[in-house]
Amino acid sequence: GEVRKIPGDLVHRIFVREMHYPGLAMSRSLGDLEAHKVGCVATPEVVSMKITQDMKFVLVASDGVWEFITTQEAVDLVGKYGPSRVQAATEELCTEAYKRWLREEGDVVDDITAVVVWL
């Protein structure tokens, strides 16, 4: 594989050598067989931290969520629902991310995935 930057793009991406795919802007990927062939690995970065009383939930999301939504916006959106409506909160977060992609990029939308676990 090879790493290169597409003119006008902000980040470097991983491609099959001399091809225009998969064009991933990451070093780790789960389930992407082409990316695995060109250097992506599924080994995660792991960070451990103590859960404190002021922590309400854990939010894990793909870069498609974070591209146009700030951390604070996501926390505020999820937090207004509470633990009994976690599905609705997660769906609204992903829907909002989708809308912002369309507004900012037209017909281009990155992967949008989110998981919320209330503590």
PDB file of N, CA and C in Angstrom:
ATOM      1  N   GLY A   1       0.808  -1.184   0.000  1.00  0.00           N
ATOM      2  CA  GLY A   1       0.000   0.000   0.000  1.00  0.00           C
ATOM      3  C   GLY A   1       0.854   1.251   0.000  1.00  0.00           C
ATOM      4  N   GLU A   2       0.201   2.374  -0.086  1.00  0.00           N
ATOM      5  CA  GLU A   2       0.909   3.647  -0.043  1.00  0.00           C
ATOM      6  C   GLU A   2       0.053   4.692   0.641  1.00  0.00           C
ATOM      7  N   VAL A   3       0.731   5.648   1.240  1.00  0.00           N
ATOM      8  CA  VAL A   3       0.068   6.765   1.902  1.00  0.00           C
ATOM      9  C   VAL A   3       0.297   7.993   1.036  1.00  0.00           C
ATOM     10  N   ARG A   4      -0.783   8.693   0.720  1.00  0.00           N
ATOM     11  CA  ARG A   4      -0.635   9.925  -0.052  1.00  0.00           C
ATOM     12  C   ARG A   4      -1.779  10.872   0.282  1.00  0.00           C
ATOM     13  N   LYS A   5      -1.569  12.123  -0.095  1.00  0.00           N
ATOM     14  CA  LYS A   5      -2.561  13.168   0.155  1.00  0.00           C
ATOM     15  C   LYS A   5      -3.167  13.586  -1.180  1.00  0.00           C
ATOM     16  N   ILE A   6      -4.480  13.567  -1.251  1.00  0.00           N
ATOM     17  CA  ILE A   6      -5.198  13.981  -2.449  1.00  0.00           C
ATOM     18  C   ILE A   6      -5.234  15.508  -2.470  1.00  0.00           C
ATOM     19  N   PRO A   7      -4.982  16.130  -3.605  1.00  0.00           N
ATOM     20  CA  PRO A   7      -5.050  17.596  -3.674  1.00  0.00           C
ATOM     21  C   PRO A   7      -6.397  18.115  -3.150  1.00  0.00           C
ATOM     22  N   GLY A   8      -6.342  19.067  -2.250  1.00  0.00           N
ATOM     23  CA  GLY A   8      -7.548  19.647  -1.671  1.00  0.00           C
ATOM     24  C   GLY A   8      -8.021  18.943  -0.412  1.00  0.00           C
ATOM     25  N   ASP A   9      -7.476  17.753  -0.123  1.00  0.00           N
ATOM     26  CA  ASP A   9      -7.862  17.011   1.075  1.00  0.00           C
ATOM     27  C   ASP A   9      -7.034  17.514   2.251  1.00  0.00           C
ATOM     28  N   LEU A  10      -7.532  17.343   3.471  1.00  0.00           N
ATOM     29  CA  LEU A  10      -6.827  17.823   4.654  1.00  0.00           C
ATOM     30  C   LEU A  10      -5.894  16.786   5.251  1.00  0.00           C
ATOM     31  N   VAL A  11      -6.112  15.510   4.936  1.00  0.00           N
ATOM     32  CA  VAL A  11      -5.352  14.441   5.588  1.00  0.00           C
ATOM     33  C   VAL A  11      -4.714  13.515   4.562  1.00  0.00           C
ATOM     34  N   HIS A  12      -3.734  12.767   5.022  1.00  0.00           N
ATOM     35  CA  HIS A  12      -3.151  11.710   4.205  1.00  0.00           C
ATOM     36  C   HIS A  12      -4.049  10.478   4.316  1.00  0.00           C
ATOM     37  N   ARG A  13      -4.047   9.650   3.270  1.00  0.00           N
ATOM     38  CA  ARG A  13      -4.884   8.457   3.233  1.00  0.00           C
ATOM     39  C   ARG A  13      -4.076   7.247   2.779  1.00  0.00           C
ATOM     40  N   ILE A  14      -4.576   6.070   3.130  1.00  0.00           N
ATOM     41  CA  ILE A  14      -3.950   4.812   2.731  1.00  0.00           C
ATOM     42  C   ILE A  14      -4.663   4.274   1.495  1.00  0.00           C
ATOM     43  N   PHE A  15      -3.881   3.942   0.462  1.00  0.00           N
ATOM     44  CA  PHE A  15      -4.409   3.414  -0.800  1.00  0.00           C
ATOM     45  C   PHE A  15      -3.684   2.134  -1.178  1.00  0.00           C
ATOM     46  N   VAL A  16      -4.335   1.300  -1.976  1.00  0.00           N
ATOM     47  CA  VAL A  16      -3.643   0.223  -2.658  1.00  0.00           C
ATOM     48  C   VAL A  16      -2.662   0.910  -3.608  1.00  0.00           C
ATOM     49  N   ARG A  17      -1.442   0.402  -3.688  1.00  0.00           N
ATOM     50  CA  ARG A  17      -0.407   1.047  -4.506  1.00  0.00           C
ATOM     51  C   ARG A  17      -0.894   1.282  -5.934  1.00  0.00           C
ATOM     52  N   GLU A  18      -0.763   2.534  -6.368  1.00  0.00           N
ATOM     53  CA  GLU A  18      -1.109   2.975  -7.715  1.00  0.00           C
ATOM     54  C   GLU A  18      -2.600   2.836  -8.050  1.00  0.00           C
ATOM     55  N   MET A  19      -3.451   2.780  -7.027  1.00  0.00           N
ATOM     56  CA  MET A  19      -4.906   2.696  -7.220  1.00  0.00           C
ATOM     57  C   MET A  19      -5.566   3.854  -6.469  1.00  0.00           C
ATOM     58  N   HIS A  20      -6.859   3.997  -6.675  1.00  0.00           N
ATOM     59  CA  HIS A  20      -7.606   5.077  -6.020  1.00  0.00           C
ATOM     60  C   HIS A  20      -8.525   4.556  -4.919  1.00  0.00           C
ATOM     61  N   TYR A  21      -8.211   3.424  -4.323  1.00  0.00           N
ATOM     62  CA  TYR A  21      -9.017   2.863  -3.247  1.00  0.00           C
ATOM     63  C   TYR A  21      -8.112   2.193  -2.237  1.00  0.00           C
ATOM     64  N   PRO A  22      -8.464   1.953  -0.993  1.00  0.00           N
ATOM     65  CA  PRO A  22      -9.708   2.389  -0.381  1.00  0.00           C
ATOM     66  C   PRO A  22      -9.704   3.849   0.073  1.00  0.00           C
ATOM     67  N   GLY A  23      -8.560   4.509   0.138  1.00  0.00           N
ATOM     68  CA  GLY A  23      -8.517   5.929   0.502  1.00  0.00           C
ATOM     69  C   GLY A  23      -8.891   6.188   1.948  1.00  0.00           C
ATOM     70  N   LEU A  24      -8.388   5.368   2.857  1.00  0.00           N
ATOM     71  CA  LEU A  24      -8.748   5.502   4.266  1.00  0.00           C
ATOM     72  C   LEU A  24      -7.868   6.516   4.983  1.00  0.00           C
ATOM     73  N   ALA A  25      -8.486   7.343   5.780  1.00  0.00           N
ATOM     74  CA  ALA A  25      -7.764   8.348   6.560  1.00  0.00           C
ATOM     75  C   ALA A  25      -7.606   7.847   7.989  1.00  0.00           C
ATOM     76  N   MET A  26      -7.052   6.647   8.137  1.00  0.00           N
ATOM     77  CA  MET A  26      -6.899   6.049   9.462  1.00  0.00           C
ATOM     78  C   MET A  26      -5.787   5.020   9.430  1.00  0.00           C
ATOM     79  N   SER A  27      -5.351   4.620  10.597  1.00  0.00           N
ATOM     80  CA  SER A  27      -4.328   3.586  10.683  1.00  0.00           C
ATOM     81  C   SER A  27      -4.894   2.287  11.238  1.00  0.00           C
ATOM     82  N   ARG A  28      -6.125   2.341  11.741  1.00  0.00           N
ATOM     83  CA  ARG A  28      -6.769   1.151  12.285  1.00  0.00           C
ATOM     84  C   ARG A  28      -8.150   1.009  11.685  1.00  0.00           C
ATOM     85  N   SER A  29      -8.535  -0.232  11.425  1.00  0.00           N
ATOM     86  CA  SER A  29      -9.837  -0.468  10.816  1.00  0.00           C
ATOM     87  C   SER A  29     -10.319  -1.852  11.187  1.00  0.00           C
ATOM     88  N   LEU A  30     -11.586  -1.958  11.543  1.00  0.00           N
ATOM     89  CA  LEU A  30     -12.188  -3.257  11.826  1.00  0.00           C
ATOM     90  C   LEU A  30     -13.029  -3.676  10.632  1.00  0.00           C
ATOM     91  N   GLY A  31     -12.767  -4.850  10.109  1.00  0.00           N
ATOM     92  CA  GLY A  31     -13.615  -5.412   9.070  1.00  0.00           C
ATOM     93  C   GLY A  31     -13.336  -4.951   7.658  1.00  0.00           C
ATOM     94  N   ASP A  32     -12.363  -4.114   7.427  1.00  0.00           N
ATOM     95  CA  ASP A  32     -12.072  -3.644   6.076  1.00  0.00           C
ATOM     96  C   ASP A  32     -10.928  -4.484   5.506  1.00  0.00           C
ATOM     97  N   LEU A  33     -11.273  -5.482   4.704  1.00  0.00           N
ATOM     98  CA  LEU A  33     -10.282  -6.425   4.208  1.00  0.00           C
ATOM     99  C   LEU A  33      -9.277  -5.782   3.266  1.00  0.00           C
ATOM    100  N   GLU A  34      -9.708  -4.845   2.431  1.00  0.00           N
ATOM    101  CA  GLU A  34      -8.774  -4.159   1.533  1.00  0.00           C
ATOM    102  C   GLU A  34      -7.782  -3.323   2.337  1.00  0.00           C
ATOM    103  N   ALA A  35      -8.272  -2.626   3.334  1.00  0.00           N
ATOM    104  CA  ALA A  35      -7.393  -1.790   4.144  1.00  0.00           C
ATOM    105  C   ALA A  35      -6.356  -2.634   4.870  1.00  0.00           C
ATOM    106  N   HIS A  36      -6.750  -3.820   5.302  1.00  0.00           N
ATOM    107  CA  HIS A  36      -5.822  -4.714   5.982  1.00  0.00           C
ATOM    108  C   HIS A  36      -4.657  -5.090   5.053  1.00  0.00           C
ATOM    109  N   LYS A  37      -4.950  -5.260   3.781  1.00  0.00           N
ATOM    110  CA  LYS A  37      -3.920  -5.638   2.803  1.00  0.00           C
ATOM    111  C   LYS A  37      -2.893  -4.535   2.582  1.00  0.00           C
ATOM    112  N   VAL A  38      -3.260  -3.284   2.864  1.00  0.00           N
ATOM    113  CA  VAL A  38      -2.354  -2.171   2.579  1.00  0.00           C
ATOM    114  C   VAL A  38      -1.801  -1.498   3.835  1.00  0.00           C
ATOM    115  N   GLY A  39      -1.971  -2.139   4.982  1.00  0.00           N
ATOM    116  CA  GLY A  39      -1.292  -1.626   6.164  1.00  0.00           C
ATOM    117  C   GLY A  39      -2.141  -1.230   7.346  1.00  0.00           C
ATOM    118  N   CYS A  40      -3.448  -1.193   7.221  1.00  0.00           N
ATOM    119  CA  CYS A  40      -4.287  -0.905   8.385  1.00  0.00           C
ATOM    120  C   CYS A  40      -4.309  -2.128   9.290  1.00  0.00           C
ATOM    121  N   VAL A  41      -4.392  -1.898  10.555  1.00  0.00           N
ATOM    122  CA  VAL A  41      -4.461  -2.990  11.521  1.00  0.00           C
ATOM    123  C   VAL A  41      -5.720  -2.838  12.370  1.00  0.00           C
ATOM    124  N   ALA A  42      -6.142  -3.929  12.974  1.00  0.00           N
ATOM    125  CA  ALA A  42      -7.324  -3.897  13.834  1.00  0.00           C
ATOM    126  C   ALA A  42      -6.950  -3.763  15.303  1.00  0.00           C
ATOM    127  N   THR A  43      -5.671  -3.584  15.596  1.00  0.00           N
ATOM    128  CA  THR A  43      -5.222  -3.454  16.975  1.00  0.00           C
ATOM    129  C   THR A  43      -5.629  -2.082  17.504  1.00  0.00           C
ATOM    130  N   PRO A  44      -6.499  -2.044  18.510  1.00  0.00           N
ATOM    131  CA  PRO A  44      -6.982  -0.743  18.988  1.00  0.00           C
ATOM    132  C   PRO A  44      -5.985  -0.040  19.907  1.00  0.00           C
ATOM    133  N   GLU A  45      -6.131   1.262  19.997  1.00  0.00           N
ATOM    134  CA  GLU A  45      -5.459   2.001  21.054  1.00  0.00           C
ATOM    135  C   GLU A  45      -6.371   1.900  22.260  1.00  0.00           C
ATOM    136  N   VAL A  46      -5.827   1.555  23.410  1.00  0.00           N
ATOM    137  CA  VAL A  46      -6.637   1.369  24.605  1.00  0.00           C
ATOM    138  C   VAL A  46      -6.203   2.370  25.661  1.00  0.00           C
ATOM    139  N   VAL A  47      -7.180   3.058  26.222  1.00  0.00           N
ATOM    140  CA  VAL A  47      -6.935   4.006  27.295  1.00  0.00           C
ATOM    141  C   VAL A  47      -7.818   3.595  28.469  1.00  0.00           C
ATOM    142  N   SER A  48      -7.233   3.505  29.633  1.00  0.00           N
ATOM    143  CA  SER A  48      -7.993   3.174  30.835  1.00  0.00           C
ATOM    144  C   SER A  48      -8.154   4.422  31.682  1.00  0.00           C
ATOM    145  N   MET A  49      -9.333   4.560  32.266  1.00  0.00           N
ATOM    146  CA  MET A  49      -9.558   5.684  33.165  1.00  0.00           C
ATOM    147  C   MET A  49     -10.575   5.280  34.223  1.00  0.00           C
ATOM    148  N   LYS A  50     -10.467   5.916  35.362  1.00  0.00           N
ATOM    149  CA  LYS A  50     -11.423   5.639  36.439  1.00  0.00           C
ATOM    150  C   LYS A  50     -12.730   6.347  36.145  1.00  0.00           C
ATOM    151  N   ILE A  51     -13.821   5.636  36.350  1.00  0.00           N
ATOM    152  CA  ILE A  51     -15.140   6.235  36.205  1.00  0.00           C
ATOM    153  C   ILE A  51     -15.441   6.984  37.496  1.00  0.00           C
ATOM    154  N   THR A  52     -15.793   8.254  37.355  1.00  0.00           N
ATOM    155  CA  THR A  52     -16.101   9.074  38.519  1.00  0.00           C
ATOM    156  C   THR A  52     -17.609   9.345  38.560  1.00  0.00           C
ATOM    157  N   GLN A  53     -18.082   9.846  39.679  1.00  0.00           N
ATOM    158  CA  GLN A  53     -19.519  10.079  39.863  1.00  0.00           C
ATOM    159  C   GLN A  53     -20.079  11.113  38.907  1.00  0.00           C
ATOM    160  N   ASP A  54     -19.247  12.019  38.422  1.00  0.00           N
ATOM    161  CA  ASP A  54     -19.756  13.044  37.519  1.00  0.00           C
ATOM    162  C   ASP A  54     -19.880  12.545  36.074  1.00  0.00           C
ATOM    163  N   MET A  55     -19.398  11.360  35.797  1.00  0.00           N
ATOM    164  CA  MET A  55     -19.523  10.782  34.452  1.00  0.00           C
ATOM    165  C   MET A  55     -20.885  10.107  34.326  1.00  0.00           C
ATOM    166  N   LYS A  56     -21.631  10.508  33.305  1.00  0.00           N
ATOM    167  CA  LYS A  56     -22.996   9.998  33.126  1.00  0.00           C
ATOM    168  C   LYS A  56     -23.080   8.877  32.097  1.00  0.00           C
ATOM    169  N   PHE A  57     -22.292   8.981  31.030  1.00  0.00           N
ATOM    170  CA  PHE A  57     -22.352   7.981  29.967  1.00  0.00           C
ATOM    171  C   PHE A  57     -21.039   7.954  29.192  1.00  0.00           C
ATOM    172  N   VAL A  58     -20.885   6.896  28.422  1.00  0.00           N
ATOM    173  CA  VAL A  58     -19.749   6.758  27.508  1.00  0.00           C
ATOM    174  C   VAL A  58     -20.313   6.860  26.102  1.00  0.00           C
ATOM    175  N   LEU A  59     -19.680   7.677  25.282  1.00  0.00           N
ATOM    176  CA  LEU A  59     -20.078   7.853  23.891  1.00  0.00           C
ATOM    177  C   LEU A  59     -18.891   7.516  23.013  1.00  0.00           C
ATOM    178  N   VAL A  60     -19.069   6.516  22.161  1.00  0.00           N
ATOM    179  CA  VAL A  60     -18.042   6.127  21.197  1.00  0.00           C
ATOM    180  C   VAL A  60     -18.650   6.332  19.823  1.00  0.00           C
ATOM    181  N   ALA A  61     -17.942   7.049  18.957  1.00  0.00           N
ATOM    182  CA  ALA A  61     -18.503   7.344  17.637  1.00  0.00           C
ATOM    183  C   ALA A  61     -17.400   7.378  16.582  1.00  0.00           C
ATOM    184  N   SER A  62     -17.806   7.110  15.362  1.00  0.00           N
ATOM    185  CA  SER A  62     -16.874   7.146  14.230  1.00  0.00           C
ATOM    186  C   SER A  62     -16.583   8.586  13.820  1.00  0.00           C
ATOM    187  N   ASP A  63     -15.576   8.735  12.986  1.00  0.00           N
ATOM    188  CA  ASP A  63     -15.182  10.070  12.545  1.00  0.00           C
ATOM    189  C   ASP A  63     -16.277  10.786  11.769  1.00  0.00           C
ATOM    190  N   GLY A  64     -17.209  10.050  11.211  1.00  0.00           N
ATOM    191  CA  GLY A  64     -18.335  10.672  10.518  1.00  0.00           C
ATOM    192  C   GLY A  64     -19.227  11.480  11.447  1.00  0.00           C
ATOM    193  N   VAL A  65     -19.248  11.120  12.712  1.00  0.00           N
ATOM    194  CA  VAL A  65     -19.989  11.902  13.706  1.00  0.00           C
ATOM    195  C   VAL A  65     -19.191  13.147  14.079  1.00  0.00           C
ATOM    196  N   TRP A  66     -17.893  12.976  14.314  1.00  0.00           N
ATOM    197  CA  TRP A  66     -17.075  14.061  14.852  1.00  0.00           C
ATOM    198  C   TRP A  66     -16.659  15.099  13.819  1.00  0.00           C
ATOM    199  N   GLU A  67     -16.857  14.822  12.552  1.00  0.00           N
ATOM    200  CA  GLU A  67     -16.418  15.760  11.511  1.00  0.00           C
ATOM    201  C   GLU A  67     -17.073  17.139  11.651  1.00  0.00           C
ATOM    202  N   PHE A  68     -18.382  17.152  11.956  1.00  0.00           N
ATOM    203  CA  PHE A  68     -19.108  18.430  12.017  1.00  0.00           C
ATOM    204  C   PHE A  68     -19.856  18.634  13.335  1.00  0.00           C
ATOM    205  N   ILE A  69     -19.649  17.760  14.308  1.00  0.00           N
ATOM    206  CA  ILE A  69     -20.284  17.893  15.621  1.00  0.00           C
ATOM    207  C   ILE A  69     -19.187  17.945  16.671  1.00  0.00           C
ATOM    208  N   THR A  70     -19.224  18.953  17.519  1.00  0.00           N
ATOM    209  CA  THR A  70     -18.216  19.063  18.573  1.00  0.00           C
ATOM    210  C   THR A  70     -18.530  18.078  19.694  1.00  0.00           C
ATOM    211  N   THR A  71     -17.527  17.816  20.501  1.00  0.00           N
ATOM    212  CA  THR A  71     -17.724  16.937  21.651  1.00  0.00           C
ATOM    213  C   THR A  71     -18.827  17.483  22.555  1.00  0.00           C
ATOM    214  N   GLN A  72     -18.802  18.781  22.809  1.00  0.00           N
ATOM    215  CA  GLN A  72     -19.807  19.374  23.693  1.00  0.00           C
ATOM    216  C   GLN A  72     -21.208  19.255  23.105  1.00  0.00           C
ATOM    217  N   GLU A  73     -21.344  19.482  21.812  1.00  0.00           N
ATOM    218  CA  GLU A  73     -22.664  19.327  21.175  1.00  0.00           C
ATOM    219  C   GLU A  73     -23.181  17.896  21.333  1.00  0.00           C
ATOM    220  N   ALA A  74     -22.311  16.922  21.144  1.00  0.00           N
ATOM    221  CA  ALA A  74     -22.717  15.524  21.269  1.00  0.00           C
ATOM    222  C   ALA A  74     -23.127  15.196  22.703  1.00  0.00           C
ATOM    223  N   VAL A  75     -22.343  15.654  23.658  1.00  0.00           N
ATOM    224  CA  VAL A  75     -22.656  15.416  25.071  1.00  0.00           C
ATOM    225  C   VAL A  75     -23.984  16.068  25.442  1.00  0.00           C
ATOM    226  N   ASP A  76     -24.215  17.297  25.011  1.00  0.00           N
ATOM    227  CA  ASP A  76     -25.471  17.987  25.306  1.00  0.00           C
ATOM    228  C   ASP A  76     -26.653  17.262  24.691  1.00  0.00           C
ATOM    229  N   LEU A  77     -26.498  16.824  23.438  1.00  0.00           N
ATOM    230  CA  LEU A  77     -27.587  16.138  22.750  1.00  0.00           C
ATOM    231  C   LEU A  77     -27.935  14.824  23.442  1.00  0.00           C
ATOM    232  N   VAL A  78     -26.941  14.008  23.710  1.00  0.00           N
ATOM    233  CA  VAL A  78     -27.188  12.704  24.348  1.00  0.00           C
ATOM    234  C   VAL A  78     -27.703  12.898  25.772  1.00  0.00           C
ATOM    235  N   GLY A  79     -27.108  13.844  26.484  1.00  0.00           N
ATOM    236  CA  GLY A  79     -27.478  14.062  27.877  1.00  0.00           C
ATOM    237  C   GLY A  79     -28.905  14.492  28.103  1.00  0.00           C
ATOM    238  N   LYS A  80     -29.508  15.163  27.136  1.00  0.00           N
ATOM    239  CA  LYS A  80     -30.889  15.637  27.331  1.00  0.00           C
ATOM    240  C   LYS A  80     -31.906  14.498  27.310  1.00  0.00           C
ATOM    241  N   TYR A  81     -31.511  13.330  26.834  1.00  0.00           N
ATOM    242  CA  TYR A  81     -32.438  12.201  26.750  1.00  0.00           C
ATOM    243  C   TYR A  81     -32.480  11.350  28.012  1.00  0.00           C
ATOM    244  N   GLY A  82     -31.376  11.158  28.670  1.00  0.00           N
ATOM    245  CA  GLY A  82     -31.335  10.301  29.836  1.00  0.00           C
ATOM    246  C   GLY A  82     -31.239   8.829  29.458  1.00  0.00           C
ATOM    247  N   PRO A  83     -30.950   7.983  30.453  1.00  0.00           N
ATOM    248  CA  PRO A  83     -30.697   6.568  30.184  1.00  0.00           C
ATOM    249  C   PRO A  83     -31.888   5.782  29.640  1.00  0.00           C
ATOM    250  N   SER A  84     -33.099   6.206  29.928  1.00  0.00           N
ATOM    251  CA  SER A  84     -34.265   5.448  29.455  1.00  0.00           C
ATOM    252  C   SER A  84     -34.535   5.644  27.964  1.00  0.00           C
ATOM    253  N   ARG A  85     -33.894   6.662  27.350  1.00  0.00           N
ATOM    254  CA  ARG A  85     -34.123   6.940  25.927  1.00  0.00           C
ATOM    255  C   ARG A  85     -32.821   6.951  25.146  1.00  0.00           C
ATOM    256  N   VAL A  86     -31.940   6.028  25.508  1.00  0.00           N
ATOM    257  CA  VAL A  86     -30.617   5.980  24.896  1.00  0.00           C
ATOM    258  C   VAL A  86     -30.691   5.729  23.386  1.00  0.00           C
ATOM    259  N   GLN A  87     -31.625   4.917  22.939  1.00  0.00           N
ATOM    260  CA  GLN A  87     -31.764   4.648  21.504  1.00  0.00           C
ATOM    261  C   GLN A  87     -32.137   5.926  20.749  1.00  0.00           C
ATOM    262  N   ALA A  88     -33.087   6.672  21.281  1.00  0.00           N
ATOM    263  CA  ALA A  88     -33.501   7.923  20.640  1.00  0.00           C
ATOM    264  C   ALA A  88     -32.348   8.921  20.603  1.00  0.00           C
ATOM    265  N   ALA A  89     -31.579   8.993  21.685  1.00  0.00           N
ATOM    266  CA  ALA A  89     -30.439   9.911  21.740  1.00  0.00           C
ATOM    267  C   ALA A  89     -29.398   9.559  20.681  1.00  0.00           C
ATOM    268  N   THR A  90     -29.100   8.280  20.570  1.00  0.00           N
ATOM    269  CA  THR A  90     -28.097   7.829  19.611  1.00  0.00           C
ATOM    270  C   THR A  90     -28.573   8.069  18.181  1.00  0.00           C
ATOM    271  N   GLU A  91     -29.835   7.790  17.926  1.00  0.00           N
ATOM    272  CA  GLU A  91     -30.395   8.029  16.592  1.00  0.00           C
ATOM    273  C   GLU A  91     -30.376   9.514  16.234  1.00  0.00           C
ATOM    274  N   GLU A  92     -30.721  10.374  17.191  1.00  0.00           N
ATOM    275  CA  GLU A  92     -30.704  11.811  16.896  1.00  0.00           C
ATOM    276  C   GLU A  92     -29.282  12.298  16.617  1.00  0.00           C
ATOM    277  N   LEU A  93     -28.323  11.802  17.380  1.00  0.00           N
ATOM    278  CA  LEU A  93     -26.933  12.183  17.150  1.00  0.00           C
ATOM    279  C   LEU A  93     -26.491  11.793  15.735  1.00  0.00           C
ATOM    280  N   CYS A  94     -26.794  10.574  15.331  1.00  0.00           N
ATOM    281  CA  CYS A  94     -26.402  10.115  13.989  1.00  0.00           C
ATOM    282  C   CYS A  94     -27.164  10.863  12.900  1.00  0.00           C
ATOM    283  N   THR A  95     -28.427  11.138  13.128  1.00  0.00           N
ATOM    284  CA  THR A  95     -29.218  11.895  12.154  1.00  0.00           C
ATOM    285  C   THR A  95     -28.676  13.307  12.001  1.00  0.00           C
ATOM    286  N   GLU A  96     -28.322  13.921  13.109  1.00  0.00           N
ATOM    287  CA  GLU A  96     -27.760  15.282  13.054  1.00  0.00           C
ATOM    288  C   GLU A  96     -26.423  15.275  12.314  1.00  0.00           C
ATOM    289  N   ALA A  97     -25.605  14.270  12.565  1.00  0.00           N
ATOM    290  CA  ALA A  97     -24.336  14.164  11.846  1.00  0.00           C
ATOM    291  C   ALA A  97     -24.584  14.029  10.344  1.00  0.00           C
ATOM    292  N   TYR A  98     -25.551  13.220   9.972  1.00  0.00           N
ATOM    293  CA  TYR A  98     -25.893  13.022   8.559  1.00  0.00           C
ATOM    294  C   TYR A  98     -26.342  14.334   7.909  1.00  0.00           C
ATOM    295  N   LYS A  99     -27.214  15.062   8.595  1.00  0.00           N
ATOM    296  CA  LYS A  99     -27.699  16.343   8.073  1.00  0.00           C
ATOM    297  C   LYS A  99     -26.554  17.329   7.868  1.00  0.00           C
ATOM    298  N   ARG A 100     -25.637  17.346   8.807  1.00  0.00           N
ATOM    299  CA  ARG A 100     -24.517  18.282   8.689  1.00  0.00           C
ATOM    300  C   ARG A 100     -23.581  17.899   7.556  1.00  0.00           C
ATOM    301  N   TRP A 101     -23.382  16.617   7.333  1.00  0.00           N
ATOM    302  CA  TRP A 101     -22.585  16.187   6.184  1.00  0.00           C
ATOM    303  C   TRP A 101     -23.218  16.679   4.893  1.00  0.00           C
ATOM    304  N   LEU A 102     -24.524  16.503   4.767  1.00  0.00           N
ATOM    305  CA  LEU A 102     -25.207  16.933   3.548  1.00  0.00           C
ATOM    306  C   LEU A 102     -25.115  18.444   3.366  1.00  0.00           C
ATOM    307  N   ARG A 103     -25.263  19.179   4.468  1.00  0.00           N
ATOM    308  CA  ARG A 103     -25.195  20.636   4.397  1.00  0.00           C
ATOM    309  C   ARG A 103     -23.797  21.117   4.005  1.00  0.00           C
ATOM    310  N   GLU A 104     -22.765  20.466   4.557  1.00  0.00           N
ATOM    311  CA  GLU A 104     -21.390  20.903   4.337  1.00  0.00           C
ATOM    312  C   GLU A 104     -20.763  20.335   3.061  1.00  0.00           C
ATOM    313  N   GLU A 105     -21.128  19.104   2.711  1.00  0.00           N
ATOM    314  CA  GLU A 105     -20.432  18.412   1.624  1.00  0.00           C
ATOM    315  C   GLU A 105     -21.327  18.057   0.434  1.00  0.00           C
ATOM    316  N   GLY A 106     -22.596  18.389   0.508  1.00  0.00           N
ATOM    317  CA  GLY A 106     -23.499  18.042  -0.597  1.00  0.00           C
ATOM    318  C   GLY A 106     -23.899  16.587  -0.542  1.00  0.00           C
ATOM    319  N   ASP A 107     -23.470  15.797  -1.515  1.00  0.00           N
ATOM    320  CA  ASP A 107     -23.896  14.401  -1.564  1.00  0.00           C
ATOM    321  C   ASP A 107     -22.850  13.429  -1.015  1.00  0.00           C
ATOM    322  N   VAL A 108     -21.857  13.934  -0.284  1.00  0.00           N
ATOM    323  CA  VAL A 108     -20.827  13.077   0.301  1.00  0.00           C
ATOM    324  C   VAL A 108     -21.084  12.937   1.793  1.00  0.00           C
ATOM    325  N   VAL A 109     -21.138  11.684   2.271  1.00  0.00           N
ATOM    326  CA  VAL A 109     -21.347  11.416   3.693  1.00  0.00           C
ATOM    327  C   VAL A 109     -20.386  10.310   4.113  1.00  0.00           C
ATOM    328  N   ASP A 110     -19.629  10.542   5.170  1.00  0.00           N
ATOM    329  CA  ASP A 110     -18.719   9.531   5.707  1.00  0.00           C
ATOM    330  C   ASP A 110     -19.525   8.542   6.554  1.00  0.00           C
ATOM    331  N   ASP A 111     -18.857   7.482   6.994  1.00  0.00           N
ATOM    332  CA  ASP A 111     -19.529   6.522   7.870  1.00  0.00           C
ATOM    333  C   ASP A 111     -19.950   7.219   9.161  1.00  0.00           C
ATOM    334  N   ILE A 112     -21.142   6.895   9.637  1.00  0.00           N
ATOM    335  CA  ILE A 112     -21.685   7.498  10.855  1.00  0.00           C
ATOM    336  C   ILE A 112     -22.145   6.377  11.765  1.00  0.00           C
ATOM    337  N   THR A 113     -21.404   6.189  12.857  1.00  0.00           N
ATOM    338  CA  THR A 113     -21.723   5.134  13.810  1.00  0.00           C
ATOM    339  C   THR A 113     -21.541   5.693  15.209  1.00  0.00           C
ATOM    340  N   ALA A 114     -22.456   5.362  16.111  1.00  0.00           N
ATOM    341  CA  ALA A 114     -22.325   5.807  17.499  1.00  0.00           C
ATOM    342  C   ALA A 114     -22.866   4.742  18.449  1.00  0.00           C
ATOM    343  N   VAL A 115     -22.227   4.642  19.594  1.00  0.00           N
ATOM    344  CA  VAL A 115     -22.675   3.763  20.663  1.00  0.00           C
ATOM    345  C   VAL A 115     -22.677   4.595  21.941  1.00  0.00           C
ATOM    346  N   VAL A 116     -23.796   4.543  22.670  1.00  0.00           N
ATOM    347  CA  VAL A 116     -23.907   5.251  23.948  1.00  0.00           C
ATOM    348  C   VAL A 116     -24.232   4.243  25.032  1.00  0.00           C
ATOM    349  N   VAL A 117     -23.471   4.294  26.116  1.00  0.00           N
ATOM    350  CA  VAL A 117     -23.724   3.420  27.273  1.00  0.00           C
ATOM    351  C   VAL A 117     -23.830   4.308  28.500  1.00  0.00           C
ATOM    352  N   TRP A 118     -24.984   4.279  29.128  1.00  0.00           N
ATOM    353  CA  TRP A 118     -25.169   5.044  30.367  1.00  0.00           C
ATOM    354  C   TRP A 118     -24.556   4.282  31.521  1.00  0.00           C
ATOM    355  N   LEU A 119     -23.928   5.024  32.424  1.00  0.00           N
ATOM    356  CA  LEU A 119     -23.234   4.409  33.570  1.00  0.00           C
ATOM    357  C   LEU A 119     -24.116   4.377  34.788  1.00  0.00           C
TER     358      LEU A 119
END
